[in-house]
PDB file of all heavy atoms in Angstrom:
ATOM      1  N   PRO A   1       1.027  10.039 -14.093  1.00  0.00           N
ATOM      2  CA  PRO A   1       1.955   8.902 -14.133  1.00  0.00           C
ATOM      3  C   PRO A   1       2.128   8.243 -12.762  1.00  0.00           C
ATOM      4  O   PRO A   1       2.186   7.011 -12.667  1.00  0.00           O
ATOM      5  CB  PRO A   1       3.260   9.532 -14.634  1.00  0.00           C
ATOM      6  CG  PRO A   1       2.826  10.712 -15.420  1.00  0.00           C
ATOM      7  CD  PRO A   1       1.631  11.257 -14.680  1.00  0.00           C
ATOM      8  N   SER A   2       2.197   9.060 -11.718  1.00  0.00           N
ATOM      9  CA  SER A   2       2.356   8.503 -10.376  1.00  0.00           C
ATOM     10  C   SER A   2       1.082   7.811  -9.898  1.00  0.00           C
ATOM     11  O   SER A   2       1.141   6.815  -9.167  1.00  0.00           O
ATOM     12  CB  SER A   2       2.741   9.616  -9.382  1.00  0.00           C
ATOM     13  OG  SER A   2       4.027  10.116  -9.699  1.00  0.00           O
ATOM     14  N   LYS A   3      -0.074   8.324 -10.326  1.00  0.00           N
ATOM     15  CA  LYS A   3      -1.330   7.659  -9.971  1.00  0.00           C
ATOM     16  C   LYS A   3      -1.416   6.292 -10.638  1.00  0.00           C
ATOM     17  O   LYS A   3      -1.888   5.314 -10.036  1.00  0.00           O
ATOM     18  CB  LYS A   3      -2.515   8.544 -10.384  1.00  0.00           C
ATOM     19  CG  LYS A   3      -2.660   9.785  -9.522  1.00  0.00           C
ATOM     20  CD  LYS A   3      -3.607  10.797 -10.125  1.00  0.00           C
ATOM     21  CE  LYS A   3      -5.051  10.383  -9.982  1.00  0.00           C
ATOM     22  NZ  LYS A   3      -5.972  11.448 -10.433  1.00  0.00           N
ATOM     23  N   PHE A   4      -0.931   6.204 -11.856  1.00  0.00           N
ATOM     24  CA  PHE A   4      -0.884   4.921 -12.542  1.00  0.00           C
ATOM     25  C   PHE A   4       0.070   3.963 -11.823  1.00  0.00           C
ATOM     26  O   PHE A   4      -0.214   2.772 -11.658  1.00  0.00           O
ATOM     27  CB  PHE A   4      -0.436   5.107 -13.992  1.00  0.00           C
ATOM     28  CG  PHE A   4      -0.215   3.811 -14.725  1.00  0.00           C
ATOM     29  CD1 PHE A   4      -1.288   3.081 -15.224  1.00  0.00           C
ATOM     30  CD2 PHE A   4       1.070   3.321 -14.914  1.00  0.00           C
ATOM     31  CE1 PHE A   4      -1.083   1.870 -15.884  1.00  0.00           C
ATOM     32  CE2 PHE A   4       1.283   2.122 -15.569  1.00  0.00           C
ATOM     33  CZ  PHE A   4       0.191   1.396 -16.059  1.00  0.00           C
ATOM     34  N   LEU A   5       1.199   4.497 -11.356  1.00  0.00           N
ATOM     35  CA  LEU A   5       2.181   3.700 -10.642  1.00  0.00           C
ATOM     36  C   LEU A   5       1.605   3.178  -9.336  1.00  0.00           C
ATOM     37  O   LEU A   5       1.804   2.022  -8.956  1.00  0.00           O
ATOM     38  CB  LEU A   5       3.427   4.553 -10.366  1.00  0.00           C
ATOM     39  CG  LEU A   5       4.643   3.853  -9.783  1.00  0.00           C
ATOM     40  CD1 LEU A   5       5.130   2.752 -10.703  1.00  0.00           C
ATOM     41  CD2 LEU A   5       5.748   4.870  -9.534  1.00  0.00           C
ATOM     42  N   LEU A   6       0.864   4.022  -8.646  1.00  0.00           N
ATOM     43  CA  LEU A   6       0.213   3.602  -7.404  1.00  0.00           C
ATOM     44  C   LEU A   6      -0.747   2.442  -7.666  1.00  0.00           C
ATOM     45  O   LEU A   6      -0.786   1.459  -6.918  1.00  0.00           O
ATOM     46  CB  LEU A   6      -0.522   4.785  -6.776  1.00  0.00           C
ATOM     47  CG  LEU A   6      -1.106   4.593  -5.371  1.00  0.00           C
ATOM     48  CD1 LEU A   6      -1.199   5.937  -4.654  1.00  0.00           C
ATOM     49  CD2 LEU A   6      -2.493   3.967  -5.404  1.00  0.00           C
ATOM     50  N   HIS A   7      -1.516   2.571  -8.743  1.00  0.00           N
ATOM     51  CA  HIS A   7      -2.463   1.515  -9.098  1.00  0.00           C
ATOM     52  C   HIS A   7      -1.724   0.219  -9.419  1.00  0.00           C
ATOM     53  O   HIS A   7      -2.163  -0.879  -9.033  1.00  0.00           O
ATOM     54  CB  HIS A   7      -3.298   1.962 -10.292  1.00  0.00           C
ATOM     55  CG  HIS A   7      -4.339   0.965 -10.710  1.00  0.00           C
ATOM     56  ND1 HIS A   7      -5.475   0.719  -9.967  1.00  0.00           N
ATOM     57  CD2 HIS A   7      -4.410   0.146 -11.785  1.00  0.00           C
ATOM     58  CE1 HIS A   7      -6.201  -0.212 -10.569  1.00  0.00           C
ATOM     59  NE2 HIS A   7      -5.579  -0.568 -11.673  1.00  0.00           N
ATOM     60  N   GLN A   8      -0.593   0.335 -10.095  1.00  0.00           N
ATOM     61  CA  GLN A   8       0.202  -0.826 -10.452  1.00  0.00           C
ATOM     62  C   GLN A   8       0.719  -1.532  -9.195  1.00  0.00           C
ATOM     63  O   GLN A   8       0.646  -2.766  -9.081  1.00  0.00           O
ATOM     64  CB  GLN A   8       1.383  -0.410 -11.328  1.00  0.00           C
ATOM     65  CG  GLN A   8       2.292  -1.541 -11.749  1.00  0.00           C
ATOM     66  CD  GLN A   8       3.529  -1.043 -12.479  1.00  0.00           C
ATOM     67  OE1 GLN A   8       3.950   0.100 -12.300  1.00  0.00           O
ATOM     68  NE2 GLN A   8       4.110  -1.896 -13.311  1.00  0.00           N
ATOM     69  N   VAL A   9       1.242  -0.758  -8.257  1.00  0.00           N
ATOM     70  CA  VAL A   9       1.752  -1.331  -7.001  1.00  0.00           C
ATOM     71  C   VAL A   9       0.628  -1.979  -6.208  1.00  0.00           C
ATOM     72  O   VAL A   9       0.789  -3.054  -5.638  1.00  0.00           O
ATOM     73  CB  VAL A   9       2.474  -0.245  -6.172  1.00  0.00           C
ATOM     74  CG1 VAL A   9       2.794  -0.772  -4.769  1.00  0.00           C
ATOM     75  CG2 VAL A   9       3.745   0.208  -6.861  1.00  0.00           C
ATOM     76  N   TYR A  10      -0.516  -1.331  -6.200  1.00  0.00           N
ATOM     77  CA  TYR A  10      -1.674  -1.890  -5.485  1.00  0.00           C
ATOM     78  C   TYR A  10      -2.065  -3.248  -6.058  1.00  0.00           C
ATOM     79  O   TYR A  10      -2.337  -4.200  -5.319  1.00  0.00           O
ATOM     80  CB  TYR A  10      -2.846  -0.912  -5.560  1.00  0.00           C
ATOM     81  CG  TYR A  10      -4.105  -1.430  -4.872  1.00  0.00           C
ATOM     82  CD1 TYR A  10      -4.264  -1.285  -3.494  1.00  0.00           C
ATOM     83  CD2 TYR A  10      -5.105  -2.062  -5.600  1.00  0.00           C
ATOM     84  CE1 TYR A  10      -5.389  -1.767  -2.854  1.00  0.00           C
ATOM     85  CE2 TYR A  10      -6.243  -2.546  -4.966  1.00  0.00           C
ATOM     86  CZ  TYR A  10      -6.376  -2.394  -3.597  1.00  0.00           C
ATOM     87  OH  TYR A  10      -7.506  -2.877  -2.969  1.00  0.00           O
ATOM     88  N   ASP A  11      -2.087  -3.354  -7.378  1.00  0.00           N
ATOM     89  CA  ASP A  11      -2.434  -4.620  -8.025  1.00  0.00           C
ATOM     90  C   ASP A  11      -1.423  -5.712  -7.676  1.00  0.00           C
ATOM     91  O   ASP A  11      -1.793  -6.861  -7.407  1.00  0.00           O
ATOM     92  CB  ASP A  11      -2.501  -4.448  -9.540  1.00  0.00           C
ATOM     93  CG  ASP A  11      -3.758  -3.732  -9.998  1.00  0.00           C
ATOM     94  OD1 ASP A  11      -4.710  -3.649  -9.191  1.00  0.00           O
ATOM     95  OD2 ASP A  11      -3.791  -3.261 -11.142  1.00  0.00           O
ATOM     96  N   LEU A  12      -0.153  -5.360  -7.675  1.00  0.00           N
ATOM     97  CA  LEU A  12       0.881  -6.327  -7.331  1.00  0.00           C
ATOM     98  C   LEU A  12       0.767  -6.766  -5.873  1.00  0.00           C
ATOM     99  O   LEU A  12       0.927  -7.935  -5.537  1.00  0.00           O
ATOM    100  CB  LEU A  12       2.263  -5.732  -7.588  1.00  0.00           C
ATOM    101  CG  LEU A  12       2.664  -5.548  -9.057  1.00  0.00           C
ATOM    102  CD1 LEU A  12       3.877  -4.637  -9.165  1.00  0.00           C
ATOM    103  CD2 LEU A  12       2.956  -6.894  -9.704  1.00  0.00           C
ATOM    104  N   ALA A  13       0.460  -5.801  -5.007  1.00  0.00           N
ATOM    105  CA  ALA A  13       0.367  -6.099  -3.576  1.00  0.00           C
ATOM    106  C   ALA A  13      -0.792  -7.039  -3.257  1.00  0.00           C
ATOM    107  O   ALA A  13      -0.736  -7.796  -2.279  1.00  0.00           O
ATOM    108  CB  ALA A  13       0.216  -4.806  -2.792  1.00  0.00           C
ATOM    109  N   THR A  14      -1.837  -6.971  -4.072  1.00  0.00           N
ATOM    110  CA  THR A  14      -3.013  -7.813  -3.804  1.00  0.00           C
ATOM    111  C   THR A  14      -2.982  -9.147  -4.547  1.00  0.00           C
ATOM    112  O   THR A  14      -3.959  -9.896  -4.497  1.00  0.00           O
ATOM    113  CB  THR A  14      -4.307  -7.049  -4.189  1.00  0.00           C
ATOM    114  OG1 THR A  14      -4.221  -6.617  -5.552  1.00  0.00           O
ATOM    115  CG2 THR A  14      -4.502  -5.840  -3.296  1.00  0.00           C
ATOM    116  N   ASP A  15      -1.857  -9.442  -5.200  1.00  0.00           N
ATOM    117  CA  ASP A  15      -1.707 -10.725  -5.890  1.00  0.00           C
ATOM    118  C   ASP A  15      -1.795 -11.863  -4.870  1.00  0.00           C
ATOM    119  O   ASP A  15      -1.100 -11.860  -3.844  1.00  0.00           O
ATOM    120  CB  ASP A  15      -0.339 -10.749  -6.588  1.00  0.00           C
ATOM    121  CG  ASP A  15      -0.156 -11.976  -7.478  1.00  0.00           C
ATOM    122  OD1 ASP A  15      -0.576 -13.080  -7.066  1.00  0.00           O
ATOM    123  OD2 ASP A  15       0.404 -11.830  -8.567  1.00  0.00           O
ATOM    124  N   ARG A  16      -2.610 -12.852  -5.130  1.00  0.00           N
ATOM    125  CA  ARG A  16      -2.814 -13.957  -4.197  1.00  0.00           C
ATOM    126  C   ARG A  16      -1.525 -14.737  -3.910  1.00  0.00           C
ATOM    127  O   ARG A  16      -1.360 -15.314  -2.828  1.00  0.00           O
ATOM    128  CB  ARG A  16      -3.867 -14.925  -4.738  1.00  0.00           C
ATOM    129  CG  ARG A  16      -5.281 -14.369  -4.720  1.00  0.00           C
ATOM    130  CD  ARG A  16      -6.276 -15.416  -5.201  1.00  0.00           C
ATOM    131  NE  ARG A  16      -7.637 -14.903  -5.184  1.00  0.00           N
ATOM    132  CZ  ARG A  16      -8.699 -15.631  -5.558  1.00  0.00           C
ATOM    133  NH1 ARG A  16      -8.518 -16.889  -5.969  1.00  0.00           N
ATOM    134  NH2 ARG A  16      -9.898 -15.106  -5.527  1.00  0.00           N
ATOM    135  N   ASP A  17      -0.620 -14.749  -4.857  1.00  0.00           N
ATOM    136  CA  ASP A  17       0.620 -15.505  -4.685  1.00  0.00           C
ATOM    137  C   ASP A  17       1.491 -14.948  -3.556  1.00  0.00           C
ATOM    138  O   ASP A  17       2.395 -15.633  -3.072  1.00  0.00           O
ATOM    139  CB  ASP A  17       1.424 -15.520  -5.985  1.00  0.00           C
ATOM    140  CG  ASP A  17       0.828 -16.468  -7.008  1.00  0.00           C
ATOM    141  OD1 ASP A  17       0.011 -17.320  -6.618  1.00  0.00           O
ATOM    142  OD2 ASP A  17       1.178 -16.340  -8.202  1.00  0.00           O
ATOM    143  N   PHE A  18       1.227 -13.717  -3.162  1.00  0.00           N
ATOM    144  CA  PHE A  18       1.992 -13.146  -2.058  1.00  0.00           C
ATOM    145  C   PHE A  18       1.408 -13.514  -0.692  1.00  0.00           C
ATOM    146  O   PHE A  18       1.949 -13.148   0.351  1.00  0.00           O
ATOM    147  CB  PHE A  18       2.086 -11.622  -2.194  1.00  0.00           C
ATOM    148  CG  PHE A  18       3.059 -11.180  -3.252  1.00  0.00           C
ATOM    149  CD1 PHE A  18       2.633 -10.437  -4.339  1.00  0.00           C
ATOM    150  CD2 PHE A  18       4.400 -11.513  -3.169  1.00  0.00           C
ATOM    151  CE1 PHE A  18       3.530 -10.036  -5.323  1.00  0.00           C
ATOM    152  CE2 PHE A  18       5.299 -11.119  -4.138  1.00  0.00           C
ATOM    153  CZ  PHE A  18       4.870 -10.379  -5.212  1.00  0.00           C
ATOM    154  N   GLN A  19       0.277 -14.203  -0.696  1.00  0.00           N
ATOM    155  CA  GLN A  19      -0.323 -14.767   0.514  1.00  0.00           C
ATOM    156  C   GLN A  19      -0.555 -13.733   1.620  1.00  0.00           C
ATOM    157  O   GLN A  19      -0.364 -13.996   2.798  1.00  0.00           O
ATOM    158  CB  GLN A  19       0.560 -15.909   1.048  1.00  0.00           C
ATOM    159  CG  GLN A  19       0.692 -17.065   0.074  1.00  0.00           C
ATOM    160  CD  GLN A  19       1.539 -18.187   0.608  1.00  0.00           C
ATOM    161  OE1 GLN A  19       2.294 -18.028   1.552  1.00  0.00           O
ATOM    162  NE2 GLN A  19       1.415 -19.366   0.001  1.00  0.00           N
ATOM    163  N   GLY A  20      -0.920 -12.538   1.232  1.00  0.00           N
ATOM    164  CA  GLY A  20      -1.219 -11.519   2.224  1.00  0.00           C
ATOM    165  C   GLY A  20      -0.012 -10.924   2.911  1.00  0.00           C
ATOM    166  O   GLY A  20      -0.147 -10.183   3.890  1.00  0.00           O
ATOM    167  N   ARG A  21       1.194 -11.214   2.394  1.00  0.00           N
ATOM    168  CA  ARG A  21       2.407 -10.696   3.022  1.00  0.00           C
ATOM    169  C   ARG A  21       2.745  -9.271   2.582  1.00  0.00           C
ATOM    170  O   ARG A  21       3.680  -8.666   3.089  1.00  0.00           O
ATOM    171  CB  ARG A  21       3.594 -11.621   2.698  1.00  0.00           C
ATOM    172  CG  ARG A  21       3.539 -12.957   3.417  1.00  0.00           C
ATOM    173  CD  ARG A  21       3.819 -12.785   4.886  1.00  0.00           C
ATOM    174  NE  ARG A  21       3.772 -14.049   5.590  1.00  0.00           N
ATOM    175  CZ  ARG A  21       4.005 -14.157   6.894  1.00  0.00           C
ATOM    176  NH1 ARG A  21       4.290 -13.085   7.597  1.00  0.00           N
ATOM    177  NH2 ARG A  21       3.938 -15.332   7.488  1.00  0.00           N
ATOM    178  N   ILE A  22       2.020  -8.754   1.607  1.00  0.00           N
ATOM    179  CA  ILE A  22       2.221  -7.375   1.171  1.00  0.00           C
ATOM    180  C   ILE A  22       0.914  -6.626   1.385  1.00  0.00           C
ATOM    181  O   ILE A  22      -0.124  -7.007   0.862  1.00  0.00           O
ATOM    182  CB  ILE A  22       2.655  -7.296  -0.305  1.00  0.00           C
ATOM    183  CG1 ILE A  22       3.973  -8.050  -0.507  1.00  0.00           C
ATOM    184  CG2 ILE A  22       2.793  -5.842  -0.746  1.00  0.00           C
ATOM    185  CD1 ILE A  22       4.488  -8.032  -1.931  1.00  0.00           C
ATOM    186  N   ALA A  23       0.971  -5.581   2.186  1.00  0.00           N
ATOM    187  CA  ALA A  23      -0.226  -4.830   2.532  1.00  0.00           C
ATOM    188  C   ALA A  23      -0.148  -3.421   1.954  1.00  0.00           C
ATOM    189  O   ALA A  23       0.932  -2.837   1.851  1.00  0.00           O
ATOM    190  CB  ALA A  23      -0.390  -4.748   4.047  1.00  0.00           C
ATOM    191  N   PHE A  24      -1.283  -2.887   1.573  1.00  0.00           N
ATOM    192  CA  PHE A  24      -1.372  -1.512   1.078  1.00  0.00           C
ATOM    193  C   PHE A  24      -2.334  -0.761   1.998  1.00  0.00           C
ATOM    194  O   PHE A  24      -3.526  -1.054   2.040  1.00  0.00           O
ATOM    195  CB  PHE A  24      -1.874  -1.469  -0.360  1.00  0.00           C
ATOM    196  CG  PHE A  24      -1.661  -0.126  -1.020  1.00  0.00           C
ATOM    197  CD1 PHE A  24      -0.624   0.063  -1.907  1.00  0.00           C
ATOM    198  CD2 PHE A  24      -2.494   0.932  -0.723  1.00  0.00           C
ATOM    199  CE1 PHE A  24      -0.424   1.295  -2.505  1.00  0.00           C
ATOM    200  CE2 PHE A  24      -2.301   2.167  -1.323  1.00  0.00           C
ATOM    201  CZ  PHE A  24      -1.260   2.355  -2.211  1.00  0.00           C
ATOM    202  N   VAL A  25      -1.815   0.192   2.747  1.00  0.00           N
ATOM    203  CA  VAL A  25      -2.618   0.975   3.690  1.00  0.00           C
ATOM    204  C   VAL A  25      -3.207   2.178   2.962  1.00  0.00           C
ATOM    205  O   VAL A  25      -2.475   3.034   2.459  1.00  0.00           O
ATOM    206  CB  VAL A  25      -1.773   1.439   4.887  1.00  0.00           C
ATOM    207  CG1 VAL A  25      -2.616   2.258   5.856  1.00  0.00           C
ATOM    208  CG2 VAL A  25      -1.156   0.240   5.594  1.00  0.00           C
ATOM    209  N   GLU A  26      -4.498   2.242   2.892  1.00  0.00           N
ATOM    210  CA  GLU A  26      -5.177   3.333   2.192  1.00  0.00           C
ATOM    211  C   GLU A  26      -5.397   4.530   3.117  1.00  0.00           C
ATOM    212  O   GLU A  26      -5.252   4.439   4.332  1.00  0.00           O
ATOM    213  CB  GLU A  26      -6.517   2.835   1.641  1.00  0.00           C
ATOM    214  CG  GLU A  26      -6.376   1.691   0.647  1.00  0.00           C
ATOM    215  CD  GLU A  26      -7.710   1.252   0.082  1.00  0.00           C
ATOM    216  OE1 GLU A  26      -8.618   2.094  -0.041  1.00  0.00           O
ATOM    217  OE2 GLU A  26      -7.851   0.054  -0.227  1.00  0.00           O
ATOM    218  N   ASP A  27      -5.769   5.662   2.501  1.00  0.00           N
ATOM    219  CA  ASP A  27      -6.081   6.895   3.249  1.00  0.00           C
ATOM    220  C   ASP A  27      -4.931   7.322   4.155  1.00  0.00           C
ATOM    221  O   ASP A  27      -5.110   7.615   5.345  1.00  0.00           O
ATOM    222  CB  ASP A  27      -7.370   6.719   4.064  1.00  0.00           C
ATOM    223  CG  ASP A  27      -8.583   6.461   3.193  1.00  0.00           C
ATOM    224  OD1 ASP A  27      -8.638   7.045   2.086  1.00  0.00           O
ATOM    225  OD2 ASP A  27      -9.452   5.680   3.590  1.00  0.00           O
ATOM    226  N   TYR A  28      -3.745   7.343   3.593  1.00  0.00           N
ATOM    227  CA  TYR A  28      -2.558   7.751   4.353  1.00  0.00           C
ATOM    228  C   TYR A  28      -2.686   9.216   4.772  1.00  0.00           C
ATOM    229  O   TYR A  28      -3.020  10.084   3.984  1.00  0.00           O
ATOM    230  CB  TYR A  28      -1.321   7.552   3.493  1.00  0.00           C
ATOM    231  CG  TYR A  28      -0.022   7.900   4.175  1.00  0.00           C
ATOM    232  CD1 TYR A  28       0.680   6.935   4.886  1.00  0.00           C
ATOM    233  CD2 TYR A  28       0.503   9.185   4.099  1.00  0.00           C
ATOM    234  CE1 TYR A  28       1.886   7.235   5.504  1.00  0.00           C
ATOM    235  CE2 TYR A  28       1.704   9.491   4.718  1.00  0.00           C
ATOM    236  CZ  TYR A  28       2.398   8.521   5.418  1.00  0.00           C
ATOM    237  OH  TYR A  28       3.582   8.834   6.031  1.00  0.00           O
ATOM    238  N   ASP A  29      -2.414   9.495   6.050  1.00  0.00           N
ATOM    239  CA  ASP A  29      -2.413  10.864   6.559  1.00  0.00           C
ATOM    240  C   ASP A  29      -1.436  10.961   7.720  1.00  0.00           C
ATOM    241  O   ASP A  29      -0.724   9.998   8.046  1.00  0.00           O
ATOM    242  CB  ASP A  29      -3.830  11.300   6.984  1.00  0.00           C
ATOM    243  CG  ASP A  29      -4.436  10.367   8.041  1.00  0.00           C
ATOM    244  OD1 ASP A  29      -3.686   9.567   8.647  1.00  0.00           O
ATOM    245  OD2 ASP A  29      -5.661  10.433   8.260  1.00  0.00           O
ATOM    246  N   ILE A  30      -1.386  12.114   8.372  1.00  0.00           N
ATOM    247  CA  ILE A  30      -0.437  12.321   9.468  1.00  0.00           C
ATOM    248  C   ILE A  30      -0.697  11.353  10.617  1.00  0.00           C
ATOM    249  O   ILE A  30       0.232  10.856  11.255  1.00  0.00           O
ATOM    250  CB  ILE A  30      -0.501  13.779   9.962  1.00  0.00           C
ATOM    251  CG1 ILE A  30       0.002  14.724   8.852  1.00  0.00           C
ATOM    252  CG2 ILE A  30       0.340  13.965  11.218  1.00  0.00           C
ATOM    253  CD1 ILE A  30      -0.107  16.189   9.211  1.00  0.00           C
ATOM    254  N   HIS A  31      -1.962  11.093  10.885  1.00  0.00           N
ATOM    255  CA  HIS A  31      -2.311  10.172  11.957  1.00  0.00           C
ATOM    256  C   HIS A  31      -1.765   8.778  11.676  1.00  0.00           C
ATOM    257  O   HIS A  31      -1.158   8.137  12.556  1.00  0.00           O
ATOM    258  CB  HIS A  31      -3.837  10.118  12.126  1.00  0.00           C
ATOM    259  CG  HIS A  31      -4.298   9.153  13.172  1.00  0.00           C
ATOM    260  ND1 HIS A  31      -4.149   9.403  14.518  1.00  0.00           N
ATOM    261  CD2 HIS A  31      -4.888   7.925  13.064  1.00  0.00           C
ATOM    262  CE1 HIS A  31      -4.633   8.372  15.204  1.00  0.00           C
ATOM    263  NE2 HIS A  31      -5.085   7.464  14.349  1.00  0.00           N
ATOM    264  N   MET A  32      -1.924   8.318  10.451  1.00  0.00           N
ATOM    265  CA  MET A  32      -1.402   6.999  10.077  1.00  0.00           C
ATOM    266  C   MET A  32       0.123   6.994  10.100  1.00  0.00           C
ATOM    267  O   MET A  32       0.741   6.016  10.551  1.00  0.00           O
ATOM    268  CB  MET A  32      -1.909   6.627   8.680  1.00  0.00           C
ATOM    269  CG  MET A  32      -1.374   5.293   8.154  1.00  0.00           C
ATOM    270  SD  MET A  32      -1.818   3.888   9.183  1.00  0.00           S
ATOM    271  CE  MET A  32      -3.611   3.875   8.925  1.00  0.00           C
ATOM    272  N   ALA A  33       0.726   8.087   9.631  1.00  0.00           N
ATOM    273  CA  ALA A  33       2.191   8.166   9.602  1.00  0.00           C
ATOM    274  C   ALA A  33       2.776   8.018  10.997  1.00  0.00           C
ATOM    275  O   ALA A  33       3.839   7.415  11.188  1.00  0.00           O
ATOM    276  CB  ALA A  33       2.625   9.505   8.995  1.00  0.00           C
ATOM    277  N   ARG A  34       2.097   8.567  11.978  1.00  0.00           N
ATOM    278  CA  ARG A  34       2.563   8.500  13.380  1.00  0.00           C
ATOM    279  C   ARG A  34       2.745   7.042  13.816  1.00  0.00           C
ATOM    280  O   ARG A  34       3.699   6.711  14.534  1.00  0.00           O
ATOM    281  CB  ARG A  34       1.569   9.211  14.285  1.00  0.00           C
ATOM    282  CG  ARG A  34       1.949   9.220  15.759  1.00  0.00           C
ATOM    283  CD  ARG A  34       1.044  10.168  16.530  1.00  0.00           C
ATOM    284  NE  ARG A  34       1.311  10.115  17.952  1.00  0.00           N
ATOM    285  CZ  ARG A  34       0.643   9.338  18.806  1.00  0.00           C
ATOM    286  NH1 ARG A  34      -0.340   8.567  18.365  1.00  0.00           N
ATOM    287  NH2 ARG A  34       0.936   9.328  20.084  1.00  0.00           N
ATOM    288  N   TYR A  35       1.834   6.192  13.403  1.00  0.00           N
ATOM    289  CA  TYR A  35       1.940   4.779  13.768  1.00  0.00           C
ATOM    290  C   TYR A  35       2.999   4.056  12.955  1.00  0.00           C
ATOM    291  O   TYR A  35       3.720   3.189  13.470  1.00  0.00           O
ATOM    292  CB  TYR A  35       0.588   4.090  13.586  1.00  0.00           C
ATOM    293  CG  TYR A  35      -0.431   4.506  14.615  1.00  0.00           C
ATOM    294  CD1 TYR A  35      -1.430   5.424  14.302  1.00  0.00           C
ATOM    295  CD2 TYR A  35      -0.391   4.000  15.921  1.00  0.00           C
ATOM    296  CE1 TYR A  35      -2.374   5.826  15.235  1.00  0.00           C
ATOM    297  CE2 TYR A  35      -1.326   4.393  16.870  1.00  0.00           C
ATOM    298  CZ  TYR A  35      -2.311   5.299  16.524  1.00  0.00           C
ATOM    299  OH  TYR A  35      -3.232   5.701  17.466  1.00  0.00           O
ATOM    300  N   LEU A  36       3.133   4.421  11.692  1.00  0.00           N
ATOM    301  CA  LEU A  36       4.097   3.740  10.825  1.00  0.00           C
ATOM    302  C   LEU A  36       5.532   4.037  11.230  1.00  0.00           C
ATOM    303  O   LEU A  36       6.372   3.126  11.266  1.00  0.00           O
ATOM    304  CB  LEU A  36       3.861   4.131   9.367  1.00  0.00           C
ATOM    305  CG  LEU A  36       2.583   3.592   8.722  1.00  0.00           C
ATOM    306  CD1 LEU A  36       2.426   4.150   7.313  1.00  0.00           C
ATOM    307  CD2 LEU A  36       2.602   2.059   8.678  1.00  0.00           C
ATOM    308  N   VAL A  37       5.858   5.302  11.501  1.00  0.00           N
ATOM    309  CA  VAL A  37       7.253   5.653  11.801  1.00  0.00           C
ATOM    310  C   VAL A  37       7.730   5.107  13.139  1.00  0.00           C
ATOM    311  O   VAL A  37       8.929   5.161  13.438  1.00  0.00           O
ATOM    312  CB  VAL A  37       7.470   7.188  11.760  1.00  0.00           C
ATOM    313  CG1 VAL A  37       7.195   7.732  10.376  1.00  0.00           C
ATOM    314  CG2 VAL A  37       6.637   7.902  12.816  1.00  0.00           C
ATOM    315  N   GLN A  38       6.827   4.593  13.950  1.00  0.00           N
ATOM    316  CA  GLN A  38       7.267   3.990  15.209  1.00  0.00           C
ATOM    317  C   GLN A  38       6.880   2.517  15.318  1.00  0.00           C
ATOM    318  O   GLN A  38       7.267   1.842  16.284  1.00  0.00           O
ATOM    319  CB  GLN A  38       6.662   4.746  16.403  1.00  0.00           C
ATOM    320  CG  GLN A  38       5.148   4.768  16.453  1.00  0.00           C
ATOM    321  CD  GLN A  38       4.619   5.606  17.604  1.00  0.00           C
ATOM    322  OE1 GLN A  38       4.774   5.248  18.757  1.00  0.00           O
ATOM    323  NE2 GLN A  38       4.005   6.733  17.287  1.00  0.00           N
TER     324      GLN A  38
END
């Protein structure tokens, strides 16, 4: 169910009407988290 939800959010984020204002960062890991939390 959560994998389906992730796919749903990804589809919404890539909608052209949002003009690139919503980004989905793939391959989330500790290294990526370090940059996001700061």
